[in-house]
Amino acid sequence: MVELSKIKKNDGGHKICGVDFDPNGDLVHNTHEDGSYTAYHKGQKMKYDDYISELESRVYRNSKGKSITNSFGYFGGLNFDSNGKII
């Protein structure tokens, strides 16, 4: 994982039709002089296809009136007391 402050800023931004699809700045795309690119999401390098998929997902969620930056959480499991009841 690369520290976000060490990653070069976006060379295009993520405003499409006036809507900022990356308000938290966690999605980064850099184009290099040779035409190659580097994409990051939350500091982790990603494939370009995954970068495009993430943008598409944000546009779709926005079109449905949902949060652009909302991501799903992980189920942490259950804890039980000595009687077997969920605590």
PDB file of N, CA and C in Angstrom:
ATOM      1  N   MET A   1       0.847  -1.171   0.000  1.00  0.00           N
ATOM      2  CA  MET A   1       0.000   0.000   0.000  1.00  0.00           C
ATOM      3  C   MET A   1       0.895   1.238   0.000  1.00  0.00           C
ATOM      4  N   VAL A   2       0.540   2.184  -0.842  1.00  0.00           N
ATOM      5  CA  VAL A   2       1.308   3.412  -0.965  1.00  0.00           C
ATOM      6  C   VAL A   2       0.593   4.512  -0.205  1.00  0.00           C
ATOM      7  N   GLU A   3       1.345   5.310   0.526  1.00  0.00           N
ATOM      8  CA  GLU A   3       0.755   6.415   1.261  1.00  0.00           C
ATOM      9  C   GLU A   3       0.157   7.415   0.270  1.00  0.00           C
ATOM     10  N   LEU A   4      -1.093   7.794   0.477  1.00  0.00           N
ATOM     11  CA  LEU A   4      -1.792   8.665  -0.471  1.00  0.00           C
ATOM     12  C   LEU A   4      -1.067   9.979  -0.716  1.00  0.00           C
ATOM     13  N   SER A   5      -0.390  10.512   0.289  1.00  0.00           N
ATOM     14  CA  SER A   5       0.301  11.788   0.126  1.00  0.00           C
ATOM     15  C   SER A   5       1.502  11.670  -0.817  1.00  0.00           C
ATOM     16  N   LYS A   6       1.989  10.446  -1.056  1.00  0.00           N
ATOM     17  CA  LYS A   6       3.139  10.238  -1.940  1.00  0.00           C
ATOM     18  C   LYS A   6       2.725   9.942  -3.378  1.00  0.00           C
ATOM     19  N   ILE A   7       1.433   9.815  -3.631  1.00  0.00           N
ATOM     20  CA  ILE A   7       0.937   9.540  -4.974  1.00  0.00           C
ATOM     21  C   ILE A   7       0.668  10.858  -5.687  1.00  0.00           C
ATOM     22  N   LYS A   8       1.136  10.950  -6.918  1.00  0.00           N
ATOM     23  CA  LYS A   8       0.908  12.147  -7.725  1.00  0.00           C
ATOM     24  C   LYS A   8      -0.587  12.396  -7.879  1.00  0.00           C
ATOM     25  N   LYS A   9      -0.985  13.656  -7.859  1.00  0.00           N
ATOM     26  CA  LYS A   9      -2.403  14.020  -7.990  1.00  0.00           C
ATOM     27  C   LYS A   9      -2.974  13.539  -9.318  1.00  0.00           C
ATOM     28  N   ASN A  10      -4.294  13.443  -9.373  1.00  0.00           N
ATOM     29  CA  ASN A  10      -4.985  13.072 -10.609  1.00  0.00           C
ATOM     30  C   ASN A  10      -4.623  14.014 -11.737  1.00  0.00           C
ATOM     31  N   ASP A  11      -4.521  13.460 -12.936  1.00  0.00           N
ATOM     32  CA  ASP A  11      -4.255  14.326 -14.071  1.00  0.00           C
ATOM     33  C   ASP A  11      -5.532  14.694 -14.809  1.00  0.00           C
ATOM     34  N   GLY A  12      -6.667  14.252 -14.340  1.00  0.00           N
ATOM     35  CA  GLY A  12      -7.913  14.608 -14.998  1.00  0.00           C
ATOM     36  C   GLY A  12      -9.036  14.949 -14.041  1.00  0.00           C
ATOM     37  N   GLY A  13      -8.926  14.473 -12.838  1.00  0.00           N
ATOM     38  CA  GLY A  13      -9.998  14.682 -11.870  1.00  0.00           C
ATOM     39  C   GLY A  13     -11.132  13.707 -12.108  1.00  0.00           C
ATOM     40  N   HIS A  14     -12.138  13.782 -11.280  1.00  0.00           N
ATOM     41  CA  HIS A  14     -13.264  12.858 -11.387  1.00  0.00           C
ATOM     42  C   HIS A  14     -14.596  13.591 -11.377  1.00  0.00           C
ATOM     43  N   LYS A  15     -14.619  14.806 -11.939  1.00  0.00           N
ATOM     44  CA  LYS A  15     -15.873  15.541 -12.053  1.00  0.00           C
ATOM     45  C   LYS A  15     -16.461  15.269 -13.430  1.00  0.00           C
ATOM     46  N   ILE A  16     -17.631  14.653 -13.416  1.00  0.00           N
ATOM     47  CA  ILE A  16     -18.328  14.328 -14.647  1.00  0.00           C
ATOM     48  C   ILE A  16     -19.667  15.045 -14.609  1.00  0.00           C
ATOM     49  N   CYS A  17     -19.907  15.913 -15.574  1.00  0.00           N
ATOM     50  CA  CYS A  17     -21.159  16.689 -15.644  1.00  0.00           C
ATOM     51  C   CYS A  17     -21.391  17.463 -14.341  1.00  0.00           C
ATOM     52  N   GLY A  18     -20.321  17.961 -13.752  1.00  0.00           N
ATOM     53  CA  GLY A  18     -20.428  18.774 -12.547  1.00  0.00           C
ATOM     54  C   GLY A  18     -20.555  18.004 -11.249  1.00  0.00           C
ATOM     55  N   VAL A  19     -20.553  16.664 -11.312  1.00  0.00           N
ATOM     56  CA  VAL A  19     -20.662  15.848 -10.101  1.00  0.00           C
ATOM     57  C   VAL A  19     -19.284  15.277  -9.782  1.00  0.00           C
ATOM     58  N   ASP A  20     -18.814  15.501  -8.555  1.00  0.00           N
ATOM     59  CA  ASP A  20     -17.531  14.968  -8.131  1.00  0.00           C
ATOM     60  C   ASP A  20     -17.722  13.519  -7.692  1.00  0.00           C
ATOM     61  N   PHE A  21     -17.201  12.581  -8.488  1.00  0.00           N
ATOM     62  CA  PHE A  21     -17.360  11.164  -8.176  1.00  0.00           C
ATOM     63  C   PHE A  21     -16.232  10.624  -7.301  1.00  0.00           C
ATOM     64  N   ASP A  22     -15.407  11.515  -6.787  1.00  0.00           N
ATOM     65  CA  ASP A  22     -14.358  11.121  -5.856  1.00  0.00           C
ATOM     66  C   ASP A  22     -14.181  12.205  -4.796  1.00  0.00           C
ATOM     67  N   PRO A  23     -15.229  12.471  -4.013  1.00  0.00           N
ATOM     68  CA  PRO A  23     -15.145  13.556  -3.037  1.00  0.00           C
ATOM     69  C   PRO A  23     -14.107  13.323  -1.943  1.00  0.00           C
ATOM     70  N   ASN A  24     -13.763  12.079  -1.661  1.00  0.00           N
ATOM     71  CA  ASN A  24     -12.781  11.776  -0.616  1.00  0.00           C
ATOM     72  C   ASN A  24     -11.354  11.713  -1.154  1.00  0.00           C
ATOM     73  N   GLY A  25     -11.191  11.781  -2.464  1.00  0.00           N
ATOM     74  CA  GLY A  25      -9.858  11.745  -3.063  1.00  0.00           C
ATOM     75  C   GLY A  25      -9.159  10.409  -2.931  1.00  0.00           C
ATOM     76  N   ASP A  26      -9.919   9.315  -2.861  1.00  0.00           N
ATOM     77  CA  ASP A  26      -9.291   8.002  -2.702  1.00  0.00           C
ATOM     78  C   ASP A  26      -9.082   7.261  -4.017  1.00  0.00           C
ATOM     79  N   LEU A  27      -9.490   7.846  -5.132  1.00  0.00           N
ATOM     80  CA  LEU A  27      -9.336   7.233  -6.443  1.00  0.00           C
ATOM     81  C   LEU A  27      -8.389   8.110  -7.261  1.00  0.00           C
ATOM     82  N   VAL A  28      -7.268   7.533  -7.711  1.00  0.00           N
ATOM     83  CA  VAL A  28      -6.237   8.317  -8.388  1.00  0.00           C
ATOM     84  C   VAL A  28      -5.860   7.667  -9.717  1.00  0.00           C
ATOM     85  N   HIS A  29      -5.717   8.500 -10.748  1.00  0.00           N
ATOM     86  CA  HIS A  29      -5.282   8.050 -12.070  1.00  0.00           C
ATOM     87  C   HIS A  29      -4.172   8.969 -12.551  1.00  0.00           C
ATOM     88  N   ASN A  30      -3.035   8.394 -12.916  1.00  0.00           N
ATOM     89  CA  ASN A  30      -1.913   9.167 -13.439  1.00  0.00           C
ATOM     90  C   ASN A  30      -1.525   8.637 -14.807  1.00  0.00           C
ATOM     91  N   THR A  31      -1.357   9.530 -15.769  1.00  0.00           N
ATOM     92  CA  THR A  31      -0.861   9.164 -17.089  1.00  0.00           C
ATOM     93  C   THR A  31       0.599   9.588 -17.165  1.00  0.00           C
ATOM     94  N   HIS A  32       1.458   8.664 -17.565  1.00  0.00           N
ATOM     95  CA  HIS A  32       2.887   8.929 -17.654  1.00  0.00           C
ATOM     96  C   HIS A  32       3.243   9.452 -19.045  1.00  0.00           C
ATOM     97  N   GLU A  33       4.442   9.997 -19.195  1.00  0.00           N
ATOM     98  CA  GLU A  33       4.877  10.578 -20.462  1.00  0.00           C
ATOM     99  C   GLU A  33       4.825   9.584 -21.619  1.00  0.00           C
ATOM    100  N   ASP A  34       5.082   8.309 -21.339  1.00  0.00           N
ATOM    101  CA  ASP A  34       5.079   7.294 -22.402  1.00  0.00           C
ATOM    102  C   ASP A  34       3.669   6.798 -22.738  1.00  0.00           C
ATOM    103  N   GLY A  35       2.644   7.361 -22.078  1.00  0.00           N
ATOM    104  CA  GLY A  35       1.261   6.981 -22.343  1.00  0.00           C
ATOM    105  C   GLY A  35       0.735   5.896 -21.424  1.00  0.00           C
ATOM    106  N   SER A  36       1.605   5.298 -20.635  1.00  0.00           N
ATOM    107  CA  SER A  36       1.140   4.302 -19.680  1.00  0.00           C
ATOM    108  C   SER A  36       0.454   5.016 -18.510  1.00  0.00           C
ATOM    109  N   TYR A  37      -0.114   4.281 -17.634  1.00  0.00           N
ATOM    110  CA  TYR A  37      -0.872   4.859 -16.530  1.00  0.00           C
ATOM    111  C   TYR A  37      -0.616   4.093 -15.250  1.00  0.00           C
ATOM    112  N   THR A  38      -0.982   4.709 -14.167  1.00  0.00           N
ATOM    113  CA  THR A  38      -0.996   4.075 -12.851  1.00  0.00           C
ATOM    114  C   THR A  38      -2.294   4.495 -12.188  1.00  0.00           C
ATOM    115  N   ALA A  39      -3.022   3.533 -11.648  1.00  0.00           N
ATOM    116  CA  ALA A  39      -4.278   3.830 -10.961  1.00  0.00           C
ATOM    117  C   ALA A  39      -4.192   3.293  -9.535  1.00  0.00           C
ATOM    118  N   TYR A  40      -4.775   4.042  -8.604  1.00  0.00           N
ATOM    119  CA  TYR A  40      -4.784   3.659  -7.194  1.00  0.00           C
ATOM    120  C   TYR A  40      -6.183   3.850  -6.623  1.00  0.00           C
ATOM    121  N   HIS A  41      -6.535   3.000  -5.682  1.00  0.00           N
ATOM    122  CA  HIS A  41      -7.763   3.165  -4.909  1.00  0.00           C
ATOM    123  C   HIS A  41      -7.392   2.991  -3.449  1.00  0.00           C
ATOM    124  N   LYS A  42      -7.583   4.051  -2.676  1.00  0.00           N
ATOM    125  CA  LYS A  42      -7.229   4.064  -1.254  1.00  0.00           C
ATOM    126  C   LYS A  42      -5.777   3.652  -1.039  1.00  0.00           C
ATOM    127  N   GLY A  43      -4.898   4.110  -1.934  1.00  0.00           N
ATOM    128  CA  GLY A  43      -3.472   3.863  -1.779  1.00  0.00           C
ATOM    129  C   GLY A  43      -2.971   2.550  -2.339  1.00  0.00           C
ATOM    130  N   GLN A  44      -3.872   1.707  -2.850  1.00  0.00           N
ATOM    131  CA  GLN A  44      -3.457   0.430  -3.406  1.00  0.00           C
ATOM    132  C   GLN A  44      -3.516   0.484  -4.923  1.00  0.00           C
ATOM    133  N   LYS A  45      -2.441   0.026  -5.564  1.00  0.00           N
ATOM    134  CA  LYS A  45      -2.379   0.004  -7.015  1.00  0.00           C
ATOM    135  C   LYS A  45      -3.479  -0.919  -7.544  1.00  0.00           C
ATOM    136  N   MET A  46      -4.083  -0.523  -8.640  1.00  0.00           N
ATOM    137  CA  MET A  46      -5.162  -1.320  -9.202  1.00  0.00           C
ATOM    138  C   MET A  46      -5.053  -1.386 -10.716  1.00  0.00           C
ATOM    139  N   LYS A  47      -5.697  -2.376 -11.326  1.00  0.00           N
ATOM    140  CA  LYS A  47      -5.737  -2.492 -12.780  1.00  0.00           C
ATOM    141  C   LYS A  47      -6.649  -1.413 -13.337  1.00  0.00           C
ATOM    142  N   TYR A  48      -6.380  -1.016 -14.578  1.00  0.00           N
ATOM    143  CA  TYR A  48      -7.182   0.036 -15.194  1.00  0.00           C
ATOM    144  C   TYR A  48      -8.645  -0.381 -15.312  1.00  0.00           C
ATOM    145  N   ASP A  49      -8.907  -1.637 -15.639  1.00  0.00           N
ATOM    146  CA  ASP A  49     -10.287  -2.130 -15.726  1.00  0.00           C
ATOM    147  C   ASP A  49     -11.016  -1.982 -14.399  1.00  0.00           C
ATOM    148  N   ASP A  50     -10.316  -2.236 -13.310  1.00  0.00           N
ATOM    149  CA  ASP A  50     -10.914  -2.088 -11.984  1.00  0.00           C
ATOM    150  C   ASP A  50     -11.180  -0.620 -11.663  1.00  0.00           C
ATOM    151  N   TYR A  51     -10.282   0.248 -12.120  1.00  0.00           N
ATOM    152  CA  TYR A  51     -10.456   1.700 -11.948  1.00  0.00           C
ATOM    153  C   TYR A  51     -11.733   2.162 -12.660  1.00  0.00           C
ATOM    154  N   ILE A  52     -11.895   1.726 -13.912  1.00  0.00           N
ATOM    155  CA  ILE A  52     -13.089   2.083 -14.692  1.00  0.00           C
ATOM    156  C   ILE A  52     -14.339   1.507 -14.033  1.00  0.00           C
ATOM    157  N   SER A  53     -14.255   0.276 -13.556  1.00  0.00           N
ATOM    158  CA  SER A  53     -15.401  -0.354 -12.887  1.00  0.00           C
ATOM    159  C   SER A  53     -15.813   0.419 -11.641  1.00  0.00           C
ATOM    160  N   GLU A  54     -14.836   0.897 -10.888  1.00  0.00           N
ATOM    161  CA  GLU A  54     -15.139   1.676  -9.683  1.00  0.00           C
ATOM    162  C   GLU A  54     -15.841   2.979 -10.055  1.00  0.00           C
ATOM    163  N   LEU A  55     -15.360   3.655 -11.104  1.00  0.00           N
ATOM    164  CA  LEU A  55     -16.031   4.888 -11.552  1.00  0.00           C
ATOM    165  C   LEU A  55     -17.451   4.588 -12.026  1.00  0.00           C
ATOM    166  N   GLU A  56     -17.621   3.517 -12.799  1.00  0.00           N
ATOM    167  CA  GLU A  56     -18.960   3.133 -13.267  1.00  0.00           C
ATOM    168  C   GLU A  56     -19.889   2.851 -12.097  1.00  0.00           C
ATOM    169  N   SER A  57     -19.371   2.175 -11.093  1.00  0.00           N
ATOM    170  CA  SER A  57     -20.161   1.851  -9.911  1.00  0.00           C
ATOM    171  C   SER A  57     -20.623   3.126  -9.204  1.00  0.00           C
ATOM    172  N   ARG A  58     -19.731   4.090  -9.103  1.00  0.00           N
ATOM    173  CA  ARG A  58     -20.078   5.355  -8.447  1.00  0.00           C
ATOM    174  C   ARG A  58     -21.122   6.122  -9.245  1.00  0.00           C
ATOM    175  N   VAL A  59     -20.987   6.134 -10.559  1.00  0.00           N
ATOM    176  CA  VAL A  59     -21.975   6.812 -11.406  1.00  0.00           C
ATOM    177  C   VAL A  59     -23.327   6.121 -11.269  1.00  0.00           C
ATOM    178  N   TYR A  60     -23.332   4.792 -11.277  1.00  0.00           N
ATOM    179  CA  TYR A  60     -24.585   4.031 -11.155  1.00  0.00           C
ATOM    180  C   TYR A  60     -25.248   4.297  -9.802  1.00  0.00           C
ATOM    181  N   ARG A  61     -24.471   4.217  -8.715  1.00  0.00           N
ATOM    182  CA  ARG A  61     -25.046   4.470  -7.386  1.00  0.00           C
ATOM    183  C   ARG A  61     -25.619   5.880  -7.300  1.00  0.00           C
ATOM    184  N   ASN A  62     -24.919   6.843  -7.896  1.00  0.00           N
ATOM    185  CA  ASN A  62     -25.407   8.223  -7.898  1.00  0.00           C
ATOM    186  C   ASN A  62     -26.720   8.333  -8.671  1.00  0.00           C
ATOM    187  N   SER A  63     -26.828   7.623  -9.793  1.00  0.00           N
ATOM    188  CA  SER A  63     -28.057   7.682 -10.601  1.00  0.00           C
ATOM    189  C   SER A  63     -29.251   7.089  -9.864  1.00  0.00           C
ATOM    190  N   LYS A  64     -28.987   6.210  -8.894  1.00  0.00           N
ATOM    191  CA  LYS A  64     -30.051   5.596  -8.091  1.00  0.00           C
ATOM    192  C   LYS A  64     -30.300   6.371  -6.798  1.00  0.00           C
ATOM    193  N   GLY A  65     -29.614   7.519  -6.642  1.00  0.00           N
ATOM    194  CA  GLY A  65     -29.798   8.340  -5.453  1.00  0.00           C
ATOM    195  C   GLY A  65     -29.060   7.832  -4.234  1.00  0.00           C
ATOM    196  N   LYS A  66     -28.116   6.915  -4.429  1.00  0.00           N
ATOM    197  CA  LYS A  66     -27.356   6.355  -3.304  1.00  0.00           C
ATOM    198  C   LYS A  66     -26.034   7.092  -3.148  1.00  0.00           C
ATOM    199  N   SER A  67     -25.389   6.865  -2.039  1.00  0.00           N
ATOM    200  CA  SER A  67     -24.106   7.496  -1.749  1.00  0.00           C
ATOM    201  C   SER A  67     -23.039   7.039  -2.735  1.00  0.00           C
ATOM    202  N   ILE A  68     -22.244   7.984  -3.199  1.00  0.00           N
ATOM    203  CA  ILE A  68     -21.159   7.667  -4.131  1.00  0.00           C
ATOM    204  C   ILE A  68     -20.040   6.933  -3.420  1.00  0.00           C
ATOM    205  N   THR A  69     -19.766   7.301  -2.198  1.00  0.00           N
ATOM    206  CA  THR A  69     -18.621   6.763  -1.473  1.00  0.00           C
ATOM    207  C   THR A  69     -18.983   5.624  -0.529  1.00  0.00           C
ATOM    208  N   ASN A  70     -20.241   5.248  -0.471  1.00  0.00           N
ATOM    209  CA  ASN A  70     -20.653   4.176   0.426  1.00  0.00           C
ATOM    210  C   ASN A  70     -20.078   2.852  -0.046  1.00  0.00           C
ATOM    211  N   SER A  71     -19.440   2.152   0.837  1.00  0.00           N
ATOM    212  CA  SER A  71     -18.953   0.818   0.506  1.00  0.00           C
ATOM    213  C   SER A  71     -19.527  -0.156   1.520  1.00  0.00           C
ATOM    214  N   PHE A  72     -19.607  -1.404   1.139  1.00  0.00           N
ATOM    215  CA  PHE A  72     -20.198  -2.373   2.052  1.00  0.00           C
ATOM    216  C   PHE A  72     -19.218  -2.716   3.161  1.00  0.00           C
ATOM    217  N   GLY A  73     -19.776  -3.099   4.289  1.00  0.00           N
ATOM    218  CA  GLY A  73     -18.949  -3.483   5.429  1.00  0.00           C
ATOM    219  C   GLY A  73     -18.826  -4.991   5.512  1.00  0.00           C
ATOM    220  N   TYR A  74     -18.095  -5.428   6.469  1.00  0.00           N
ATOM    221  CA  TYR A  74     -17.908  -6.852   6.671  1.00  0.00           C
ATOM    222  C   TYR A  74     -18.567  -7.255   7.974  1.00  0.00           C
ATOM    223  N   PHE A  75     -19.182  -8.420   7.983  1.00  0.00           N
ATOM    224  CA  PHE A  75     -19.843  -8.932   9.162  1.00  0.00           C
ATOM    225  C   PHE A  75     -18.786  -9.370  10.163  1.00  0.00           C
ATOM    226  N   GLY A  76     -18.866  -8.851  11.357  1.00  0.00           N
ATOM    227  CA  GLY A  76     -17.849  -9.124  12.364  1.00  0.00           C
ATOM    228  C   GLY A  76     -18.095 -10.370  13.189  1.00  0.00           C
ATOM    229  N   GLY A  77     -19.228 -11.025  12.987  1.00  0.00           N
ATOM    230  CA  GLY A  77     -19.521 -12.223  13.762  1.00  0.00           C
ATOM    231  C   GLY A  77     -20.356 -11.915  14.995  1.00  0.00           C
ATOM    232  N   LEU A  78     -20.604 -12.931  15.772  1.00  0.00           N
ATOM    233  CA  LEU A  78     -21.416 -12.813  16.975  1.00  0.00           C
ATOM    234  C   LEU A  78     -20.604 -13.224  18.193  1.00  0.00           C
ATOM    235  N   ASN A  79     -20.973 -12.682  19.334  1.00  0.00           N
ATOM    236  CA  ASN A  79     -20.399 -13.105  20.609  1.00  0.00           C
ATOM    237  C   ASN A  79     -21.518 -13.638  21.480  1.00  0.00           C
ATOM    238  N   PHE A  80     -21.215 -14.671  22.227  1.00  0.00           N
ATOM    239  CA  PHE A  80     -22.210 -15.297  23.083  1.00  0.00           C
ATOM    240  C   PHE A  80     -21.754 -15.241  24.536  1.00  0.00           C
ATOM    241  N   ASP A  81     -22.739 -15.113  25.432  1.00  0.00           N
ATOM    242  CA  ASP A  81     -22.402 -15.171  26.857  1.00  0.00           C
ATOM    243  C   ASP A  81     -22.350 -16.632  27.303  1.00  0.00           C
ATOM    244  N   SER A  82     -22.138 -16.865  28.593  1.00  0.00           N
ATOM    245  CA  SER A  82     -21.999 -18.243  29.094  1.00  0.00           C
ATOM    246  C   SER A  82     -23.279 -19.064  28.977  1.00  0.00           C
ATOM    247  N   ASN A  83     -24.437 -18.391  28.821  1.00  0.00           N
ATOM    248  CA  ASN A  83     -25.715 -19.091  28.657  1.00  0.00           C
ATOM    249  C   ASN A  83     -26.055 -19.331  27.193  1.00  0.00           C
ATOM    250  N   GLY A  84     -25.167 -18.913  26.296  1.00  0.00           N
ATOM    251  CA  GLY A  84     -25.415 -19.128  24.880  1.00  0.00           C
ATOM    252  C   GLY A  84     -26.232 -18.031  24.224  1.00  0.00           C
ATOM    253  N   LYS A  85     -26.480 -16.935  24.929  1.00  0.00           N
ATOM    254  CA  LYS A  85     -27.243 -15.835  24.373  1.00  0.00           C
ATOM    255  C   LYS A  85     -26.306 -14.848  23.663  1.00  0.00           C
ATOM    256  N   ILE A  86     -26.814 -14.278  22.602  1.00  0.00           N
ATOM    257  CA  ILE A  86     -26.029 -13.301  21.839  1.00  0.00           C
ATOM    258  C   ILE A  86     -25.845 -12.033  22.669  1.00  0.00           C
ATOM    259  N   ILE A  87     -24.600 -11.569  22.728  1.00  0.00           N
ATOM    260  CA  ILE A  87     -24.326 -10.322  23.454  1.00  0.00           C
ATOM    261  C   ILE A  87     -23.776  -9.285  22.488  1.00  0.00           C
TER     262      ILE A  87
END
